Amino acid sequence: MWFLYLLTFAAFIASFFADRKKSVLAIKVAFNMFIEMLPAFIVMIIFVSSAVYFTSGFAIADLFSGKNKILSVLIASCVGSITLMPGFIAFPLCGILLKQGVPYMVLSAFTTTLMMVGILTFPLEKMYFGTKVTILRNIAGFIIAIIIAVVTGIFFGEVF
């Protein structure tokens, strides 16, 4: 990750020496966009933090490890679509769920929709991309997540 920060910093320095006015303008535009997005982002963080705090890993494991794997995949996909959490929380959570017997296919559906579908981020996305693009992106992400879950299930022998 440090490499990306270093590369970004080097690119900005090169840009600054190439055209100082455009570089300063780019920083101002980026800062203004950040300030505009900040209230919606803070609300999302508060909501997600509260949801993660009040939901235990055991409750999630019970929800995801049903006998019907198809139903479990759909439930995990819906929960992942609604939930918003960073990868550094989601992946260790999946490791705990795996130890509690949740199938790889279900975990795949959960993490993929978690990263690709954003019901909670819909208002924020709609502001920048428009309603149609946001809806299409979320639907495509959900379908791709289901496909990935099925392929994962086939790969780990959980489907057939």
N, C-alpha and C. Protein backbone atom coordinates (compact mmCIF):
# COMPACT_ATOMS: atom_id res chain seq x y z
N MET A 1 0.83 -1.19 0.00
CA MET A 1 0.00 0.00 0.00
C MET A 1 0.87 1.26 0.00
N TRP A 2 1.98 1.18 0.70
CA TRP A 2 2.86 2.34 0.77
C TRP A 2 3.36 2.72 -0.62
N PHE A 3 3.49 1.71 -1.50
CA PHE A 3 3.94 1.97 -2.86
C PHE A 3 2.95 2.87 -3.60
N LEU A 4 1.66 2.62 -3.42
CA LEU A 4 0.64 3.45 -4.08
C LEU A 4 0.67 4.89 -3.56
N TYR A 5 0.87 5.05 -2.26
CA TYR A 5 0.99 6.40 -1.69
C TYR A 5 2.20 7.11 -2.27
N LEU A 6 3.31 6.40 -2.35
CA LEU A 6 4.53 6.98 -2.89
C LEU A 6 4.36 7.35 -4.37
N LEU A 7 3.73 6.45 -5.13
CA LEU A 7 3.48 6.70 -6.54
C LEU A 7 2.55 7.90 -6.74
N THR A 8 1.51 7.99 -5.93
CA THR A 8 0.59 9.12 -6.02
C THR A 8 1.29 10.43 -5.68
N PHE A 9 2.10 10.41 -4.63
CA PHE A 9 2.84 11.60 -4.25
C PHE A 9 3.80 12.03 -5.35
N ALA A 10 4.51 11.07 -5.94
CA ALA A 10 5.44 11.38 -7.02
C ALA A 10 4.72 11.95 -8.24
N ALA A 11 3.55 11.38 -8.55
CA ALA A 11 2.77 11.89 -9.69
C ALA A 11 2.29 13.31 -9.42
N PHE A 12 1.89 13.58 -8.18
CA PHE A 12 1.45 14.94 -7.85
C PHE A 12 2.62 15.92 -7.95
N ILE A 13 3.78 15.53 -7.46
CA ILE A 13 4.96 16.42 -7.55
C ILE A 13 5.29 16.70 -9.01
N ALA A 14 5.25 15.67 -9.86
CA ALA A 14 5.51 15.86 -11.29
C ALA A 14 4.47 16.79 -11.90
N SER A 15 3.21 16.59 -11.53
CA SER A 15 2.13 17.45 -12.01
C SER A 15 2.33 18.89 -11.55
N PHE A 16 2.75 19.04 -10.31
CA PHE A 16 2.94 20.37 -9.73
C PHE A 16 4.02 21.13 -10.49
N PHE A 17 5.11 20.45 -10.83
CA PHE A 17 6.18 21.11 -11.58
C PHE A 17 5.78 21.36 -13.03
N ALA A 18 4.92 20.51 -13.59
CA ALA A 18 4.48 20.69 -14.97
C ALA A 18 3.53 21.88 -15.09
N ASP A 19 2.56 21.97 -14.18
CA ASP A 19 1.59 23.07 -14.22
C ASP A 19 1.08 23.33 -12.81
N ARG A 20 1.66 24.30 -12.17
CA ARG A 20 1.36 24.61 -10.78
C ARG A 20 -0.10 25.00 -10.58
N LYS A 21 -0.66 25.82 -11.48
CA LYS A 21 -2.04 26.29 -11.33
C LYS A 21 -3.05 25.14 -11.41
N LYS A 22 -2.87 24.25 -12.38
CA LYS A 22 -3.79 23.11 -12.51
C LYS A 22 -3.68 22.17 -11.31
N SER A 23 -2.49 21.99 -10.80
CA SER A 23 -2.31 21.11 -9.64
C SER A 23 -3.01 21.67 -8.41
N VAL A 24 -2.85 22.96 -8.17
CA VAL A 24 -3.51 23.60 -7.03
C VAL A 24 -5.03 23.56 -7.22
N LEU A 25 -5.49 23.80 -8.44
CA LEU A 25 -6.93 23.72 -8.72
C LEU A 25 -7.46 22.30 -8.48
N ALA A 26 -6.69 21.30 -8.88
CA ALA A 26 -7.11 19.90 -8.65
C ALA A 26 -7.23 19.60 -7.17
N ILE A 27 -6.31 20.10 -6.36
CA ILE A 27 -6.38 19.90 -4.91
C ILE A 27 -7.62 20.60 -4.35
N LYS A 28 -7.91 21.79 -4.81
CA LYS A 28 -9.10 22.52 -4.33
C LYS A 28 -10.38 21.79 -4.70
N VAL A 29 -10.48 21.29 -5.94
CA VAL A 29 -11.66 20.56 -6.38
C VAL A 29 -11.83 19.28 -5.57
N ALA A 30 -10.74 18.56 -5.38
CA ALA A 30 -10.80 17.31 -4.60
C ALA A 30 -11.22 17.60 -3.16
N PHE A 31 -10.70 18.65 -2.57
CA PHE A 31 -11.06 19.00 -1.19
C PHE A 31 -12.54 19.37 -1.11
N ASN A 32 -13.04 20.14 -2.07
CA ASN A 32 -14.46 20.52 -2.06
C ASN A 32 -15.36 19.30 -2.23
N MET A 33 -14.97 18.36 -3.09
CA MET A 33 -15.75 17.13 -3.25
C MET A 33 -15.75 16.32 -1.96
N PHE A 34 -14.60 16.27 -1.29
CA PHE A 34 -14.50 15.57 -0.02
C PHE A 34 -15.43 16.20 1.02
N ILE A 35 -15.45 17.51 1.09
CA ILE A 35 -16.32 18.21 2.05
C ILE A 35 -17.79 17.96 1.73
N GLU A 36 -18.15 17.91 0.45
CA GLU A 36 -19.54 17.64 0.05
C GLU A 36 -19.97 16.23 0.44
N MET A 37 -19.06 15.26 0.29
CA MET A 37 -19.39 13.87 0.58
C MET A 37 -19.32 13.54 2.07
N LEU A 38 -18.63 14.33 2.84
CA LEU A 38 -18.36 14.02 4.24
C LEU A 38 -19.62 13.77 5.08
N PRO A 39 -20.65 14.60 5.02
CA PRO A 39 -21.83 14.34 5.85
C PRO A 39 -22.49 12.98 5.56
N ALA A 40 -22.67 12.66 4.29
CA ALA A 40 -23.28 11.37 3.94
C ALA A 40 -22.37 10.23 4.37
N PHE A 41 -21.08 10.40 4.23
CA PHE A 41 -20.13 9.36 4.61
C PHE A 41 -20.14 9.13 6.13
N ILE A 42 -20.22 10.21 6.90
CA ILE A 42 -20.26 10.08 8.36
C ILE A 42 -21.52 9.38 8.80
N VAL A 43 -22.65 9.69 8.19
CA VAL A 43 -23.91 9.02 8.52
C VAL A 43 -23.79 7.52 8.23
N MET A 44 -23.21 7.17 7.08
CA MET A 44 -23.04 5.75 6.75
C MET A 44 -22.13 5.05 7.75
N ILE A 45 -21.06 5.71 8.15
CA ILE A 45 -20.13 5.10 9.11
C ILE A 45 -20.82 4.88 10.45
N ILE A 46 -21.61 5.83 10.90
CA ILE A 46 -22.33 5.68 12.17
C ILE A 46 -23.32 4.53 12.09
N PHE A 47 -24.07 4.46 10.99
CA PHE A 47 -25.06 3.39 10.83
C PHE A 47 -24.39 2.01 10.79
N VAL A 48 -23.33 1.90 10.01
CA VAL A 48 -22.65 0.61 9.87
C VAL A 48 -21.97 0.21 11.18
N SER A 49 -21.33 1.15 11.83
CA SER A 49 -20.68 0.85 13.11
C SER A 49 -21.69 0.35 14.13
N SER A 50 -22.85 0.97 14.16
CA SER A 50 -23.91 0.53 15.08
C SER A 50 -24.39 -0.87 14.74
N ALA A 51 -24.58 -1.12 13.46
CA ALA A 51 -25.06 -2.44 13.03
C ALA A 51 -24.04 -3.53 13.36
N VAL A 52 -22.77 -3.27 13.11
CA VAL A 52 -21.73 -4.25 13.39
C VAL A 52 -21.60 -4.46 14.91
N TYR A 53 -21.75 -3.41 15.68
CA TYR A 53 -21.64 -3.51 17.14
C TYR A 53 -22.75 -4.38 17.73
N PHE A 54 -23.96 -4.22 17.21
CA PHE A 54 -25.11 -4.93 17.78
C PHE A 54 -25.34 -6.32 17.20
N THR A 55 -24.55 -6.71 16.21
CA THR A 55 -24.70 -8.03 15.59
C THR A 55 -23.48 -8.88 15.93
N SER A 56 -23.71 -10.03 16.52
CA SER A 56 -22.58 -10.89 16.88
C SER A 56 -22.22 -11.82 15.72
N GLY A 57 -20.99 -12.30 15.74
CA GLY A 57 -20.54 -13.26 14.73
C GLY A 57 -21.34 -14.55 14.78
N PHE A 58 -21.78 -14.94 15.98
CA PHE A 58 -22.56 -16.17 16.12
C PHE A 58 -23.94 -16.04 15.47
N ALA A 59 -24.54 -14.87 15.59
CA ALA A 59 -25.84 -14.65 14.96
C ALA A 59 -25.72 -14.73 13.45
N ILE A 60 -24.65 -14.17 12.93
CA ILE A 60 -24.43 -14.21 11.48
C ILE A 60 -24.16 -15.65 11.04
N ALA A 61 -23.37 -16.38 11.82
CA ALA A 61 -23.07 -17.78 11.48
C ALA A 61 -24.34 -18.61 11.45
N ASP A 62 -25.23 -18.41 12.42
CA ASP A 62 -26.50 -19.14 12.43
C ASP A 62 -27.34 -18.81 11.21
N LEU A 63 -27.31 -17.55 10.81
CA LEU A 63 -28.09 -17.11 9.66
C LEU A 63 -27.55 -17.71 8.35
N PHE A 64 -26.22 -17.83 8.26
CA PHE A 64 -25.57 -18.25 7.01
C PHE A 64 -25.38 -19.76 6.87
N SER A 65 -25.46 -20.51 7.95
CA SER A 65 -25.10 -21.92 7.85
C SER A 65 -26.30 -22.85 7.89
N GLY A 66 -27.36 -22.47 7.20
CA GLY A 66 -28.53 -23.32 7.12
C GLY A 66 -28.28 -24.55 6.26
N LYS A 67 -29.19 -25.49 6.33
CA LYS A 67 -29.05 -26.73 5.54
C LYS A 67 -29.22 -26.48 4.05
N ASN A 68 -30.08 -25.52 3.70
CA ASN A 68 -30.33 -25.20 2.30
C ASN A 68 -29.28 -24.17 1.85
N LYS A 69 -28.29 -24.61 1.08
CA LYS A 69 -27.19 -23.73 0.68
C LYS A 69 -27.64 -22.62 -0.26
N ILE A 70 -28.61 -22.92 -1.10
CA ILE A 70 -29.10 -21.89 -2.02
C ILE A 70 -29.75 -20.74 -1.24
N LEU A 71 -30.57 -21.10 -0.26
CA LEU A 71 -31.19 -20.09 0.58
C LEU A 71 -30.13 -19.33 1.39
N SER A 72 -29.13 -20.05 1.89
CA SER A 72 -28.05 -19.41 2.64
C SER A 72 -27.27 -18.43 1.75
N VAL A 73 -27.03 -18.81 0.49
CA VAL A 73 -26.33 -17.91 -0.44
C VAL A 73 -27.17 -16.66 -0.68
N LEU A 74 -28.47 -16.83 -0.87
CA LEU A 74 -29.34 -15.66 -1.11
C LEU A 74 -29.40 -14.76 0.12
N ILE A 75 -29.49 -15.36 1.31
CA ILE A 75 -29.51 -14.55 2.53
C ILE A 75 -28.19 -13.80 2.69
N ALA A 76 -27.07 -14.52 2.50
CA ALA A 76 -25.75 -13.89 2.62
C ALA A 76 -25.58 -12.77 1.59
N SER A 77 -26.11 -13.00 0.38
CA SER A 77 -26.02 -11.97 -0.66
C SER A 77 -26.82 -10.73 -0.28
N CYS A 78 -27.99 -10.93 0.26
CA CYS A 78 -28.82 -9.79 0.68
C CYS A 78 -28.18 -9.05 1.85
N VAL A 79 -27.68 -9.79 2.83
CA VAL A 79 -27.02 -9.15 3.97
C VAL A 79 -25.78 -8.40 3.51
N GLY A 80 -25.00 -9.00 2.64
CA GLY A 80 -23.82 -8.34 2.11
C GLY A 80 -24.14 -7.11 1.28
N SER A 81 -25.27 -7.14 0.58
CA SER A 81 -25.68 -5.99 -0.23
C SER A 81 -26.09 -4.80 0.63
N ILE A 82 -26.67 -5.10 1.77
CA ILE A 82 -27.16 -4.04 2.65
C ILE A 82 -26.05 -3.53 3.56
N THR A 83 -25.18 -4.43 4.00
CA THR A 83 -24.14 -4.08 4.96
C THR A 83 -23.02 -3.32 4.28
N LEU A 84 -22.39 -2.47 5.04
CA LEU A 84 -21.22 -1.73 4.56
C LEU A 84 -20.14 -1.87 5.61
N MET A 85 -19.08 -2.57 5.28
CA MET A 85 -17.96 -2.69 6.21
C MET A 85 -16.68 -2.82 5.40
N PRO A 86 -15.60 -2.32 5.96
CA PRO A 86 -14.33 -2.40 5.23
C PRO A 86 -13.80 -3.82 5.20
N GLY A 87 -12.93 -4.08 4.22
CA GLY A 87 -12.36 -5.41 4.05
C GLY A 87 -11.59 -5.90 5.25
N PHE A 88 -10.92 -4.98 5.96
CA PHE A 88 -10.13 -5.43 7.11
C PHE A 88 -10.99 -5.91 8.27
N ILE A 89 -12.29 -5.66 8.21
CA ILE A 89 -13.23 -6.24 9.18
C ILE A 89 -13.93 -7.45 8.56
N ALA A 90 -14.31 -7.34 7.29
CA ALA A 90 -15.08 -8.39 6.63
C ALA A 90 -14.30 -9.70 6.50
N PHE A 91 -13.05 -9.65 6.10
CA PHE A 91 -12.31 -10.88 5.86
C PHE A 91 -11.99 -11.65 7.14
N PRO A 92 -11.57 -10.98 8.21
CA PRO A 92 -11.42 -11.75 9.46
C PRO A 92 -12.76 -12.30 9.97
N LEU A 93 -13.84 -11.55 9.77
CA LEU A 93 -15.17 -12.05 10.15
C LEU A 93 -15.48 -13.33 9.37
N CYS A 94 -15.15 -13.36 8.09
CA CYS A 94 -15.38 -14.56 7.28
C CYS A 94 -14.51 -15.72 7.77
N GLY A 95 -13.31 -15.43 8.24
CA GLY A 95 -12.48 -16.49 8.81
C GLY A 95 -13.12 -17.10 10.05
N ILE A 96 -13.73 -16.26 10.87
CA ILE A 96 -14.44 -16.75 12.07
C ILE A 96 -15.65 -17.57 11.64
N LEU A 97 -16.39 -17.06 10.66
CA LEU A 97 -17.59 -17.78 10.19
C LEU A 97 -17.21 -19.12 9.55
N LEU A 98 -16.10 -19.16 8.86
CA LEU A 98 -15.63 -20.42 8.25
C LEU A 98 -15.34 -21.46 9.34
N LYS A 99 -14.71 -21.03 10.41
CA LYS A 99 -14.43 -21.94 11.52
C LYS A 99 -15.71 -22.43 12.20
N GLN A 100 -16.79 -21.66 12.05
CA GLN A 100 -18.07 -22.05 12.65
C GLN A 100 -18.91 -22.88 11.69
N GLY A 101 -18.35 -23.23 10.53
CA GLY A 101 -19.02 -24.15 9.62
C GLY A 101 -19.78 -23.53 8.46
N VAL A 102 -19.63 -22.25 8.25
CA VAL A 102 -20.29 -21.61 7.11
C VAL A 102 -19.55 -22.00 5.84
N PRO A 103 -20.27 -22.48 4.81
CA PRO A 103 -19.61 -22.93 3.57
C PRO A 103 -18.91 -21.79 2.82
N TYR A 104 -17.88 -22.17 2.07
CA TYR A 104 -17.14 -21.19 1.26
C TYR A 104 -18.06 -20.46 0.29
N MET A 105 -19.00 -21.18 -0.28
CA MET A 105 -19.92 -20.59 -1.26
C MET A 105 -20.71 -19.44 -0.63
N VAL A 106 -21.16 -19.63 0.58
CA VAL A 106 -21.94 -18.61 1.28
C VAL A 106 -21.04 -17.43 1.64
N LEU A 107 -19.84 -17.71 2.10
CA LEU A 107 -18.90 -16.64 2.44
C LEU A 107 -18.51 -15.84 1.19
N SER A 108 -18.38 -16.54 0.08
CA SER A 108 -18.07 -15.88 -1.17
C SER A 108 -19.19 -14.92 -1.57
N ALA A 109 -20.43 -15.37 -1.45
CA ALA A 109 -21.58 -14.52 -1.78
C ALA A 109 -21.61 -13.29 -0.86
N PHE A 110 -21.35 -13.52 0.42
CA PHE A 110 -21.38 -12.43 1.39
C PHE A 110 -20.31 -11.38 1.09
N THR A 111 -19.06 -11.82 0.95
CA THR A 111 -17.98 -10.86 0.76
C THR A 111 -18.05 -10.17 -0.61
N THR A 112 -18.46 -10.91 -1.62
CA THR A 112 -18.53 -10.29 -2.96
C THR A 112 -19.61 -9.23 -3.01
N THR A 113 -20.79 -9.52 -2.46
CA THR A 113 -21.83 -8.48 -2.46
C THR A 113 -21.46 -7.34 -1.52
N LEU A 114 -20.75 -7.66 -0.46
CA LEU A 114 -20.30 -6.63 0.47
C LEU A 114 -19.42 -5.60 -0.24
N MET A 115 -18.58 -6.09 -1.14
CA MET A 115 -17.65 -5.20 -1.84
C MET A 115 -18.24 -4.61 -3.13
N MET A 116 -19.21 -5.30 -3.76
CA MET A 116 -19.67 -4.88 -5.08
C MET A 116 -21.06 -4.24 -5.11
N VAL A 117 -21.86 -4.47 -4.10
CA VAL A 117 -23.23 -3.94 -4.10
C VAL A 117 -23.35 -2.97 -2.93
N GLY A 118 -23.99 -1.85 -3.16
CA GLY A 118 -24.08 -0.85 -2.10
C GLY A 118 -25.46 -0.26 -1.94
N ILE A 119 -26.29 -0.92 -1.14
CA ILE A 119 -27.61 -0.37 -0.87
C ILE A 119 -27.48 0.88 0.01
N LEU A 120 -26.62 0.82 1.03
CA LEU A 120 -26.45 1.97 1.92
C LEU A 120 -25.77 3.14 1.22
N THR A 121 -24.95 2.85 0.25
CA THR A 121 -24.25 3.93 -0.46
C THR A 121 -25.06 4.47 -1.64
N PHE A 122 -26.26 3.92 -1.85
CA PHE A 122 -27.08 4.32 -3.00
C PHE A 122 -27.28 5.84 -3.08
N PRO A 123 -27.70 6.53 -2.00
CA PRO A 123 -27.90 7.98 -2.11
C PRO A 123 -26.64 8.73 -2.52
N LEU A 124 -25.52 8.31 -2.00
CA LEU A 124 -24.26 8.97 -2.32
C LEU A 124 -23.86 8.70 -3.78
N GLU A 125 -23.99 7.46 -4.20
CA GLU A 125 -23.68 7.10 -5.59
C GLU A 125 -24.60 7.81 -6.56
N LYS A 126 -25.88 7.89 -6.20
CA LYS A 126 -26.87 8.51 -7.08
C LYS A 126 -26.51 9.97 -7.35
N MET A 127 -25.94 10.63 -6.36
CA MET A 127 -25.55 12.04 -6.54
C MET A 127 -24.50 12.20 -7.63
N TYR A 128 -23.60 11.23 -7.74
CA TYR A 128 -22.49 11.37 -8.67
C TYR A 128 -22.69 10.65 -10.00
N PHE A 129 -23.38 9.49 -9.97
CA PHE A 129 -23.53 8.69 -11.18
C PHE A 129 -24.92 8.73 -11.77
N GLY A 130 -25.91 9.18 -11.01
CA GLY A 130 -27.29 9.16 -11.47
C GLY A 130 -27.98 7.87 -11.03
N THR A 131 -29.30 7.92 -11.00
CA THR A 131 -30.09 6.78 -10.51
C THR A 131 -29.95 5.56 -11.40
N LYS A 132 -30.06 5.74 -12.71
CA LYS A 132 -30.03 4.60 -13.64
C LYS A 132 -28.71 3.85 -13.56
N VAL A 133 -27.59 4.56 -13.61
CA VAL A 133 -26.28 3.92 -13.56
C VAL A 133 -26.08 3.22 -12.22
N THR A 134 -26.51 3.85 -11.14
CA THR A 134 -26.35 3.25 -9.82
C THR A 134 -27.16 1.97 -9.69
N ILE A 135 -28.39 1.98 -10.18
CA ILE A 135 -29.22 0.77 -10.12
C ILE A 135 -28.61 -0.34 -10.98
N LEU A 136 -28.20 0.00 -12.20
CA LEU A 136 -27.59 -1.00 -13.08
C LEU A 136 -26.30 -1.57 -12.50
N ARG A 137 -25.49 -0.72 -11.89
CA ARG A 137 -24.24 -1.19 -11.28
C ARG A 137 -24.53 -2.14 -10.13
N ASN A 138 -25.51 -1.82 -9.30
CA ASN A 138 -25.84 -2.69 -8.17
C ASN A 138 -26.44 -4.03 -8.64
N ILE A 139 -27.29 -4.00 -9.63
CA ILE A 139 -27.87 -5.24 -10.16
C ILE A 139 -26.78 -6.11 -10.78
N ALA A 140 -25.90 -5.49 -11.57
CA ALA A 140 -24.81 -6.24 -12.19
C ALA A 140 -23.88 -6.83 -11.11
N GLY A 141 -23.58 -6.05 -10.09
CA GLY A 141 -22.75 -6.53 -9.00
C GLY A 141 -23.38 -7.71 -8.27
N PHE A 142 -24.70 -7.65 -8.07
CA PHE A 142 -25.40 -8.74 -7.38
C PHE A 142 -25.35 -10.02 -8.22
N ILE A 143 -25.63 -9.90 -9.51
CA ILE A 143 -25.61 -11.07 -10.40
C ILE A 143 -24.20 -11.67 -10.47
N ILE A 144 -23.21 -10.82 -10.61
CA ILE A 144 -21.82 -11.31 -10.66
C ILE A 144 -21.46 -12.00 -9.35
N ALA A 145 -21.91 -11.47 -8.23
CA ALA A 145 -21.62 -12.08 -6.92
C ALA A 145 -22.23 -13.47 -6.82
N ILE A 146 -23.46 -13.64 -7.32
CA ILE A 146 -24.10 -14.96 -7.30
C ILE A 146 -23.31 -15.94 -8.18
N ILE A 147 -22.88 -15.48 -9.34
CA ILE A 147 -22.09 -16.33 -10.24
C ILE A 147 -20.78 -16.74 -9.56
N ILE A 148 -20.12 -15.79 -8.93
CA ILE A 148 -18.86 -16.08 -8.22
C ILE A 148 -19.11 -17.07 -7.10
N ALA A 149 -20.22 -16.92 -6.37
CA ALA A 149 -20.53 -17.85 -5.28
C ALA A 149 -20.75 -19.27 -5.81
N VAL A 150 -21.46 -19.39 -6.92
CA VAL A 150 -21.70 -20.72 -7.51
C VAL A 150 -20.39 -21.35 -7.97
N VAL A 151 -19.54 -20.56 -8.63
CA VAL A 151 -18.24 -21.07 -9.07
C VAL A 151 -17.39 -21.49 -7.86
N THR A 152 -17.44 -20.70 -6.81
CA THR A 152 -16.71 -21.05 -5.58
C THR A 152 -17.25 -22.36 -5.02
N GLY A 153 -18.57 -22.51 -5.01
CA GLY A 153 -19.19 -23.75 -4.53
C GLY A 153 -18.78 -24.95 -5.35
N ILE A 154 -18.71 -24.78 -6.66
CA ILE A 154 -18.28 -25.87 -7.54
C ILE A 154 -16.81 -26.20 -7.26
N PHE A 155 -15.99 -25.18 -7.14
CA PHE A 155 -14.57 -25.38 -6.90
C PHE A 155 -14.30 -26.12 -5.59
N PHE A 156 -15.06 -25.82 -4.56
CA PHE A 156 -14.86 -26.46 -3.25
C PHE A 156 -15.77 -27.67 -3.03
N GLY A 157 -16.48 -28.08 -4.08
CA GLY A 157 -17.31 -29.27 -3.99
C GLY A 157 -18.54 -29.12 -3.11
N GLU A 158 -19.06 -27.93 -3.02
CA GLU A 158 -20.22 -27.67 -2.17
C GLU A 158 -21.53 -27.67 -2.96
N VAL A 159 -21.46 -27.65 -4.28
CA VAL A 159 -22.66 -27.56 -5.08
C VAL A 159 -23.14 -28.93 -5.53
N PHE A 160 -22.27 -29.70 -6.13
CA PHE A 160 -22.68 -30.99 -6.69
C PHE A 160 -22.19 -32.14 -5.86
